[in-house]
Amino acid sequence: MKDQMEQRVEETASEQTEWMKANLSLNGDQLEDVREINHKYVEKREEVFMEEESAENKWEELEENWNEQMEELEDVLDANQYAKLQTVKNQWYNEMRLRWQTDTRHEKDDGMEDDDY
């Protein structure tokens, strides 16, 4: 299971980095920094998904994680690159929030049925 998680982390971080390289015109130094930042935060998000927490607590952790990642990226990107990323991030965030609200796979199964309350 850990190998699968590591593979997902690598793939997701690589996809994010490649998107940023293509869409933000990263230079060589930026590319390496962005790759490290993306890997770090994708790994943190995967860990959040594995936690035995409520969906609400997980979402709060994910939000904090995204904000921290954006702060680190702001130090690496120039103002134009960061503004473009911020716009796209807001779109992704809104889409993810909607999916999160409608998808119950992330919720902890407490073994109780709805009518047990």
C-alpha atoms as a PDB file:
ATOM      1  CA  MET A   1       0.000   0.000   0.000  1.00  0.00           C
ATOM      2  CA  LYS A   2       2.859   2.367   0.800  1.00  0.00           C
ATOM      3  CA  ASP A   3       4.377   1.699  -2.623  1.00  0.00           C
ATOM      4  CA  GLN A   4       1.072   2.659  -4.251  1.00  0.00           C
ATOM      5  CA  MET A   5       0.948   5.855  -2.220  1.00  0.00           C
ATOM      6  CA  GLU A   6       4.531   6.725  -3.164  1.00  0.00           C
ATOM      7  CA  GLN A   7       3.736   6.076  -6.813  1.00  0.00           C
ATOM      8  CA  ARG A   8       0.638   8.328  -6.618  1.00  0.00           C
ATOM      9  CA  VAL A   9       2.712  11.040  -4.946  1.00  0.00           C
ATOM     10  CA  GLU A  10       5.380  10.853  -7.647  1.00  0.00           C
ATOM     11  CA  GLU A  11       2.841  10.872 -10.478  1.00  0.00           C
ATOM     12  CA  THR A  12       0.743  13.698  -9.061  1.00  0.00           C
ATOM     13  CA  ALA A  13       3.738  15.872  -8.160  1.00  0.00           C
ATOM     14  CA  SER A  14       5.211  15.267 -11.611  1.00  0.00           C
ATOM     15  CA  GLU A  15       1.926  16.184 -13.334  1.00  0.00           C
ATOM     16  CA  GLN A  16       1.641  19.382 -11.290  1.00  0.00           C
ATOM     17  CA  THR A  17       5.231  20.321 -12.022  1.00  0.00           C
ATOM     18  CA  GLU A  18       4.886  19.640 -15.740  1.00  0.00           C
ATOM     19  CA  TRP A  19       1.708  21.714 -15.880  1.00  0.00           C
ATOM     20  CA  MET A  20       3.463  24.577 -14.116  1.00  0.00           C
ATOM     21  CA  LYS A  21       6.514  24.265 -16.367  1.00  0.00           C
ATOM     22  CA  ALA A  22       4.361  24.498 -19.489  1.00  0.00           C
ATOM     23  CA  ASN A  23       1.852  27.099 -18.309  1.00  0.00           C
ATOM     24  CA  LEU A  24       4.042  29.331 -16.160  1.00  0.00           C
ATOM     25  CA  SER A  25       7.236  29.154 -18.256  1.00  0.00           C
ATOM     26  CA  LEU A  26       9.429  28.105 -15.342  1.00  0.00           C
ATOM     27  CA  ASN A  27      13.182  28.541 -15.646  1.00  0.00           C
ATOM     28  CA  GLY A  28      15.623  25.816 -14.580  1.00  0.00           C
ATOM     29  CA  ASP A  29      16.084  27.012 -10.999  1.00  0.00           C
ATOM     30  CA  GLN A  30      12.357  27.501 -10.538  1.00  0.00           C
ATOM     31  CA  LEU A  31      11.647  24.061 -11.955  1.00  0.00           C
ATOM     32  CA  GLU A  32      13.756  22.294  -9.343  1.00  0.00           C
ATOM     33  CA  ASP A  33      12.304  24.342  -6.481  1.00  0.00           C
ATOM     34  CA  VAL A  34       8.741  23.830  -7.727  1.00  0.00           C
ATOM     35  CA  ARG A  35       9.327  20.089  -8.120  1.00  0.00           C
ATOM     36  CA  GLU A  36      10.474  19.827  -4.485  1.00  0.00           C
ATOM     37  CA  ILE A  37       7.592  21.942  -3.177  1.00  0.00           C
ATOM     38  CA  ASN A  38       4.988  20.011  -5.164  1.00  0.00           C
ATOM     39  CA  HIS A  39       6.341  16.662  -4.001  1.00  0.00           C
ATOM     40  CA  LYS A  40       6.366  17.791  -0.374  1.00  0.00           C
ATOM     41  CA  TYR A  41       2.749  18.934  -0.435  1.00  0.00           C
ATOM     42  CA  VAL A  42       1.342  16.109  -2.529  1.00  0.00           C
ATOM     43  CA  GLU A  43       2.856  13.737   0.018  1.00  0.00           C
ATOM     44  CA  LYS A  44       1.236  15.700   2.861  1.00  0.00           C
ATOM     45  CA  ARG A  45      -2.146  15.562   1.112  1.00  0.00           C
ATOM     46  CA  GLU A  46      -1.883  11.808   0.618  1.00  0.00           C
ATOM     47  CA  GLU A  47      -1.185  11.454   4.336  1.00  0.00           C
ATOM     48  CA  VAL A  48      -4.306  13.493   5.120  1.00  0.00           C
ATOM     49  CA  PHE A  49      -6.406  11.150   2.979  1.00  0.00           C
ATOM     50  CA  MET A  50      -5.090   8.180   4.963  1.00  0.00           C
ATOM     51  CA  GLU A  51      -5.974   9.675   8.363  1.00  0.00           C
ATOM     52  CA  GLU A  52      -8.917   8.491  10.408  1.00  0.00           C
ATOM     53  CA  GLU A  53     -10.499  11.925  10.588  1.00  0.00           C
ATOM     54  CA  SER A  54     -13.868  13.358   9.729  1.00  0.00           C
ATOM     55  CA  ALA A  55     -14.335  14.739   6.239  1.00  0.00           C
ATOM     56  CA  GLU A  56     -14.559  18.246   7.675  1.00  0.00           C
ATOM     57  CA  ASN A  57     -11.250  17.885   9.535  1.00  0.00           C
ATOM     58  CA  LYS A  58      -9.592  16.460   6.441  1.00  0.00           C
ATOM     59  CA  TRP A  59     -10.845  19.352   4.331  1.00  0.00           C
ATOM     60  CA  GLU A  60      -9.485  21.865   6.855  1.00  0.00           C
ATOM     61  CA  GLU A  61      -6.089  20.151   6.761  1.00  0.00           C
ATOM     62  CA  LEU A  62      -6.132  20.143   2.962  1.00  0.00           C
ATOM     63  CA  GLU A  63      -6.958  23.859   2.860  1.00  0.00           C
ATOM     64  CA  GLU A  64      -4.101  24.615   5.222  1.00  0.00           C
ATOM     65  CA  ASN A  65      -1.825  22.441   3.117  1.00  0.00           C
ATOM     66  CA  TRP A  66      -2.759  24.261  -0.116  1.00  0.00           C
ATOM     67  CA  ASN A  67      -2.231  27.649   1.505  1.00  0.00           C
ATOM     68  CA  GLU A  68       1.209  26.651   2.783  1.00  0.00           C
ATOM     69  CA  GLN A  69       2.143  25.327  -0.655  1.00  0.00           C
ATOM     70  CA  MET A  70       1.058  28.574  -2.293  1.00  0.00           C
ATOM     71  CA  GLU A  71       3.131  30.582   0.201  1.00  0.00           C
ATOM     72  CA  GLU A  72       6.220  28.565  -0.681  1.00  0.00           C
ATOM     73  CA  LEU A  73       5.527  28.858  -4.395  1.00  0.00           C
ATOM     74  CA  GLU A  74       5.120  32.624  -4.071  1.00  0.00           C
ATOM     75  CA  ASP A  75       8.766  32.794  -2.976  1.00  0.00           C
ATOM     76  CA  VAL A  76       9.864  30.929  -6.126  1.00  0.00           C
ATOM     77  CA  LEU A  77       7.646  32.416  -8.836  1.00  0.00           C
ATOM     78  CA  ASP A  78       7.666  35.935 -10.209  1.00  0.00           C
ATOM     79  CA  ALA A  79       4.582  38.120  -9.726  1.00  0.00           C
ATOM     80  CA  ASN A  80       3.024  37.265 -13.112  1.00  0.00           C
ATOM     81  CA  GLN A  81       3.577  33.531 -12.697  1.00  0.00           C
ATOM     82  CA  TYR A  82       2.134  33.593  -9.201  1.00  0.00           C
ATOM     83  CA  ALA A  83      -0.929  35.598 -10.272  1.00  0.00           C
ATOM     84  CA  LYS A  84      -1.659  33.095 -13.033  1.00  0.00           C
ATOM     85  CA  LEU A  85      -1.198  30.173 -10.647  1.00  0.00           C
ATOM     86  CA  GLN A  86      -3.439  31.840  -8.061  1.00  0.00           C
ATOM     87  CA  THR A  87      -6.231  32.197 -10.632  1.00  0.00           C
ATOM     88  CA  VAL A  88      -5.983  28.556 -11.674  1.00  0.00           C
ATOM     89  CA  LYS A  89      -5.638  27.395  -8.070  1.00  0.00           C
ATOM     90  CA  ASN A  90      -8.874  29.178  -7.179  1.00  0.00           C
ATOM     91  CA  GLN A  91     -10.669  27.391 -10.028  1.00  0.00           C
ATOM     92  CA  TRP A  92      -9.211  24.029  -8.976  1.00  0.00           C
ATOM     93  CA  TYR A  93     -10.068  24.734  -5.362  1.00  0.00           C
ATOM     94  CA  ASN A  94     -13.708  25.467  -6.172  1.00  0.00           C
ATOM     95  CA  GLU A  95     -13.987  22.331  -8.316  1.00  0.00           C
ATOM     96  CA  MET A  96     -12.330  20.216  -5.632  1.00  0.00           C
ATOM     97  CA  ARG A  97     -14.575  21.653  -2.934  1.00  0.00           C
ATOM     98  CA  LEU A  98     -17.654  20.737  -4.965  1.00  0.00           C
ATOM     99  CA  ARG A  99     -16.370  17.204  -5.592  1.00  0.00           C
ATOM    100  CA  TRP A 100     -15.459  16.852  -1.922  1.00  0.00           C
ATOM    101  CA  GLN A 101     -18.982  17.795  -0.883  1.00  0.00           C
ATOM    102  CA  THR A 102     -20.579  15.272  -3.240  1.00  0.00           C
ATOM    103  CA  ASP A 103     -18.111  12.366  -2.890  1.00  0.00           C
ATOM    104  CA  THR A 104     -18.322  10.277   0.271  1.00  0.00           C
ATOM    105  CA  ARG A 105     -15.224   8.129  -0.357  1.00  0.00           C
ATOM    106  CA  HIS A 106     -13.136  10.415   1.864  1.00  0.00           C
ATOM    107  CA  GLU A 107     -15.480  10.034   4.822  1.00  0.00           C
ATOM    108  CA  LYS A 108     -14.617   7.825   7.744  1.00  0.00           C
ATOM    109  CA  ASP A 109     -16.856   4.771   7.941  1.00  0.00           C
ATOM    110  CA  ASP A 110     -18.007   4.533  11.531  1.00  0.00           C
ATOM    111  CA  GLY A 111     -20.062   1.410  10.872  1.00  0.00           C
ATOM    112  CA  MET A 112     -23.329   3.159  11.648  1.00  0.00           C
ATOM    113  CA  GLU A 113     -26.216   3.479   9.271  1.00  0.00           C
ATOM    114  CA  ASP A 114     -28.019   6.802   8.886  1.00  0.00           C
ATOM    115  CA  ASP A 115     -30.995   5.494  10.839  1.00  0.00           C
ATOM    116  CA  ASP A 116     -28.744   4.546  13.796  1.00  0.00           C
ATOM    117  CA  TYR A 117     -28.611   8.182  14.931  1.00  0.00           C
END
